Amino acid sequence: MENAIKKKMVKLVVVAEDSSNRTKDKFKRICEEFHIPIIEFADIETLSKTIGKNNKAIIGIQDINLSKEIEKINNGGEALG
């Protein structure tokens, strides 16, 4: 994930709310350095199920349109459609 952020392949990082403070702080610093938005959302179990994986505390969204819609919803806006 770190390499994808540094290469600017990721347009948005989503961190599980129940991930460790160390993990949150680490990715907040990296995202800030590379100007990538980061949000905290749901818990590890929910985040993992959303992407069909197990035990994922961090996910990176590569699609710019999807990342904008997630940010919009997270900031209280409505989704398209």
N, C-alpha and C. Protein backbone atom coordinates (compact mmCIF):
# COMPACT_ATOMS: atom_id res chain seq x y z
N MET A 1 0.82 -1.19 0.00
CA MET A 1 0.00 0.00 0.00
C MET A 1 0.87 1.26 0.00
N GLU A 2 1.93 1.24 0.80
CA GLU A 2 2.80 2.42 0.87
C GLU A 2 3.36 2.79 -0.50
N ASN A 3 3.83 1.79 -1.23
CA ASN A 3 4.40 2.05 -2.56
C ASN A 3 3.36 2.63 -3.51
N ALA A 4 2.14 2.12 -3.45
CA ALA A 4 1.07 2.62 -4.31
C ALA A 4 0.76 4.08 -3.99
N ILE A 5 0.81 4.44 -2.71
CA ILE A 5 0.59 5.83 -2.31
C ILE A 5 1.73 6.70 -2.83
N LYS A 6 2.94 6.24 -2.63
CA LYS A 6 4.12 7.02 -3.04
C LYS A 6 4.19 7.19 -4.56
N LYS A 7 3.67 6.23 -5.30
CA LYS A 7 3.63 6.32 -6.76
C LYS A 7 2.40 7.07 -7.26
N LYS A 8 1.57 7.52 -6.30
CA LYS A 8 0.34 8.26 -6.58
C LYS A 8 -0.64 7.45 -7.42
N MET A 9 -0.61 6.14 -7.23
CA MET A 9 -1.58 5.26 -7.89
C MET A 9 -2.91 5.28 -7.13
N VAL A 10 -2.85 5.61 -5.86
CA VAL A 10 -4.03 5.63 -4.99
C VAL A 10 -4.57 7.05 -4.92
N LYS A 11 -5.88 7.19 -5.07
CA LYS A 11 -6.53 8.50 -5.03
C LYS A 11 -7.18 8.79 -3.69
N LEU A 12 -7.42 7.74 -2.89
CA LEU A 12 -8.03 7.87 -1.58
C LEU A 12 -7.63 6.67 -0.74
N VAL A 13 -7.32 6.93 0.53
CA VAL A 13 -7.00 5.85 1.46
C VAL A 13 -8.11 5.80 2.51
N VAL A 14 -8.60 4.59 2.77
CA VAL A 14 -9.63 4.38 3.80
C VAL A 14 -9.01 3.52 4.88
N VAL A 15 -9.07 4.03 6.10
CA VAL A 15 -8.50 3.34 7.26
C VAL A 15 -9.64 2.94 8.20
N ALA A 16 -9.63 1.71 8.65
CA ALA A 16 -10.65 1.24 9.60
C ALA A 16 -10.51 2.00 10.91
N GLU A 17 -11.64 2.38 11.48
CA GLU A 17 -11.65 3.14 12.73
C GLU A 17 -11.01 2.38 13.88
N ASP A 18 -11.09 1.05 13.84
CA ASP A 18 -10.53 0.27 14.94
C ASP A 18 -9.11 -0.24 14.66
N SER A 19 -8.47 0.30 13.63
CA SER A 19 -7.06 -0.06 13.41
C SER A 19 -6.22 0.63 14.49
N SER A 20 -5.00 0.17 14.67
CA SER A 20 -4.16 0.71 15.74
C SER A 20 -3.81 2.18 15.48
N ASN A 21 -3.56 2.90 16.54
CA ASN A 21 -3.15 4.29 16.41
C ASN A 21 -1.85 4.40 15.62
N ARG A 22 -0.99 3.45 15.80
CA ARG A 22 0.29 3.43 15.07
C ARG A 22 0.03 3.35 13.56
N THR A 23 -0.88 2.47 13.16
CA THR A 23 -1.22 2.32 11.74
C THR A 23 -1.86 3.59 11.21
N LYS A 24 -2.81 4.13 11.95
CA LYS A 24 -3.48 5.37 11.53
C LYS A 24 -2.48 6.50 11.36
N ASP A 25 -1.62 6.68 12.36
CA ASP A 25 -0.63 7.77 12.32
C ASP A 25 0.33 7.60 11.15
N LYS A 26 0.78 6.38 10.92
CA LYS A 26 1.72 6.11 9.84
C LYS A 26 1.11 6.49 8.49
N PHE A 27 -0.13 6.06 8.24
CA PHE A 27 -0.74 6.33 6.94
C PHE A 27 -1.19 7.77 6.82
N LYS A 28 -1.55 8.40 7.92
CA LYS A 28 -1.88 9.83 7.86
C LYS A 28 -0.65 10.64 7.44
N ARG A 29 0.50 10.30 8.00
CA ARG A 29 1.75 11.01 7.63
C ARG A 29 2.09 10.80 6.16
N ILE A 30 2.02 9.56 5.71
CA ILE A 30 2.35 9.26 4.32
C ILE A 30 1.37 9.97 3.37
N CYS A 31 0.09 9.90 3.67
CA CYS A 31 -0.92 10.52 2.82
C CYS A 31 -0.76 12.04 2.80
N GLU A 32 -0.46 12.62 3.93
CA GLU A 32 -0.24 14.06 3.99
C GLU A 32 0.96 14.45 3.13
N GLU A 33 2.04 13.69 3.25
CA GLU A 33 3.26 13.97 2.48
C GLU A 33 3.01 13.93 0.97
N PHE A 34 2.18 12.98 0.53
CA PHE A 34 1.95 12.80 -0.90
C PHE A 34 0.60 13.39 -1.35
N HIS A 35 -0.03 14.15 -0.48
CA HIS A 35 -1.28 14.87 -0.80
C HIS A 35 -2.39 13.93 -1.27
N ILE A 36 -2.56 12.83 -0.54
CA ILE A 36 -3.61 11.86 -0.82
C ILE A 36 -4.63 11.95 0.31
N PRO A 37 -5.92 12.14 -0.03
CA PRO A 37 -6.94 12.19 1.03
C PRO A 37 -7.02 10.86 1.79
N ILE A 38 -7.33 10.96 3.07
CA ILE A 38 -7.48 9.76 3.91
C ILE A 38 -8.70 9.95 4.79
N ILE A 39 -9.50 8.89 4.92
CA ILE A 39 -10.66 8.94 5.80
C ILE A 39 -10.67 7.70 6.69
N GLU A 40 -11.28 7.84 7.86
CA GLU A 40 -11.50 6.70 8.74
C GLU A 40 -12.94 6.28 8.57
N PHE A 41 -13.14 4.98 8.39
CA PHE A 41 -14.49 4.49 8.12
C PHE A 41 -14.65 3.07 8.62
N ALA A 42 -15.73 2.81 9.27
CA ALA A 42 -16.16 1.47 9.69
C ALA A 42 -15.09 0.76 10.53
N ASP A 43 -15.28 -0.53 10.71
CA ASP A 43 -14.31 -1.33 11.45
C ASP A 43 -13.60 -2.28 10.48
N ILE A 44 -12.59 -2.94 10.95
CA ILE A 44 -11.79 -3.82 10.10
C ILE A 44 -12.66 -4.90 9.45
N GLU A 45 -13.54 -5.49 10.22
CA GLU A 45 -14.39 -6.56 9.69
C GLU A 45 -15.27 -6.05 8.55
N THR A 46 -15.91 -4.90 8.74
CA THR A 46 -16.78 -4.33 7.71
C THR A 46 -15.99 -3.93 6.48
N LEU A 47 -14.87 -3.27 6.68
CA LEU A 47 -14.02 -2.85 5.57
C LEU A 47 -13.54 -4.07 4.78
N SER A 48 -13.15 -5.11 5.48
CA SER A 48 -12.68 -6.33 4.83
C SER A 48 -13.78 -6.98 4.00
N LYS A 49 -14.98 -7.09 4.57
CA LYS A 49 -16.10 -7.69 3.85
C LYS A 49 -16.46 -6.88 2.62
N THR A 50 -16.33 -5.56 2.71
CA THR A 50 -16.67 -4.68 1.60
C THR A 50 -15.84 -5.00 0.36
N ILE A 51 -14.59 -5.38 0.56
CA ILE A 51 -13.71 -5.67 -0.58
C ILE A 51 -13.50 -7.17 -0.79
N GLY A 52 -14.18 -8.00 0.00
CA GLY A 52 -14.09 -9.44 -0.16
C GLY A 52 -12.77 -10.04 0.29
N LYS A 53 -12.14 -9.43 1.27
CA LYS A 53 -10.87 -9.92 1.81
C LYS A 53 -11.02 -10.14 3.31
N ASN A 54 -9.96 -10.65 3.93
CA ASN A 54 -9.94 -10.86 5.37
C ASN A 54 -8.93 -9.93 6.02
N ASN A 55 -9.30 -9.39 7.17
CA ASN A 55 -8.39 -8.65 8.04
C ASN A 55 -7.67 -7.49 7.34
N LYS A 56 -8.42 -6.63 6.67
CA LYS A 56 -7.84 -5.47 5.99
C LYS A 56 -8.23 -4.19 6.74
N ALA A 57 -7.22 -3.52 7.28
CA ALA A 57 -7.45 -2.29 8.04
C ALA A 57 -7.30 -1.05 7.15
N ILE A 58 -6.63 -1.22 6.01
CA ILE A 58 -6.37 -0.11 5.09
C ILE A 58 -6.74 -0.56 3.69
N ILE A 59 -7.46 0.30 2.97
CA ILE A 59 -7.68 0.04 1.55
C ILE A 59 -7.36 1.30 0.76
N GLY A 60 -6.90 1.10 -0.44
CA GLY A 60 -6.59 2.21 -1.33
C GLY A 60 -7.53 2.20 -2.52
N ILE A 61 -8.13 3.32 -2.80
CA ILE A 61 -9.04 3.46 -3.94
C ILE A 61 -8.23 4.08 -5.08
N GLN A 62 -8.18 3.39 -6.21
CA GLN A 62 -7.40 3.88 -7.34
C GLN A 62 -8.25 4.66 -8.34
N ASP A 63 -9.52 4.39 -8.39
CA ASP A 63 -10.40 5.07 -9.34
C ASP A 63 -10.76 6.47 -8.83
N ILE A 64 -10.44 7.48 -9.62
CA ILE A 64 -10.66 8.87 -9.19
C ILE A 64 -12.14 9.18 -8.98
N ASN A 65 -13.01 8.67 -9.84
CA ASN A 65 -14.44 8.96 -9.70
C ASN A 65 -15.02 8.30 -8.45
N LEU A 66 -14.63 7.06 -8.21
CA LEU A 66 -15.09 6.36 -7.00
C LEU A 66 -14.58 7.07 -5.76
N SER A 67 -13.32 7.49 -5.79
CA SER A 67 -12.76 8.17 -4.62
C SER A 67 -13.49 9.47 -4.33
N LYS A 68 -13.84 10.21 -5.37
CA LYS A 68 -14.58 11.47 -5.18
C LYS A 68 -15.95 11.22 -4.60
N GLU A 69 -16.63 10.17 -5.06
CA GLU A 69 -17.96 9.85 -4.54
C GLU A 69 -17.89 9.41 -3.08
N ILE A 70 -16.89 8.62 -2.73
CA ILE A 70 -16.72 8.19 -1.34
C ILE A 70 -16.47 9.40 -0.45
N GLU A 71 -15.60 10.30 -0.89
CA GLU A 71 -15.33 11.51 -0.11
C GLU A 71 -16.58 12.37 0.03
N LYS A 72 -17.34 12.48 -1.04
CA LYS A 72 -18.58 13.27 -1.02
C LYS A 72 -19.56 12.71 0.01
N ILE A 73 -19.75 11.39 -0.03
CA ILE A 73 -20.66 10.75 0.92
C ILE A 73 -20.13 10.91 2.34
N ASN A 74 -18.85 10.73 2.52
CA ASN A 74 -18.23 10.85 3.84
C ASN A 74 -18.39 12.26 4.41
N ASN A 75 -18.42 13.26 3.52
CA ASN A 75 -18.57 14.64 3.96
C ASN A 75 -20.02 15.09 4.04
N GLY A 76 -20.95 14.14 3.93
CA GLY A 76 -22.37 14.45 4.13
C GLY A 76 -23.15 14.70 2.85
N GLY A 77 -22.51 14.52 1.71
CA GLY A 77 -23.20 14.69 0.44
C GLY A 77 -23.93 13.43 0.04
N GLU A 78 -24.62 13.50 -1.08
CA GLU A 78 -25.37 12.34 -1.56
C GLU A 78 -24.62 11.68 -2.70
N ALA A 79 -24.82 10.39 -2.84
CA ALA A 79 -24.23 9.64 -3.93
C ALA A 79 -25.00 9.91 -5.21
N LEU A 80 -24.33 9.73 -6.33
CA LEU A 80 -25.00 9.87 -7.62
C LEU A 80 -25.97 8.71 -7.81
N GLY A 81 -27.02 8.98 -8.58
CA GLY A 81 -27.95 7.90 -8.94
C GLY A 81 -29.03 7.83 -8.00
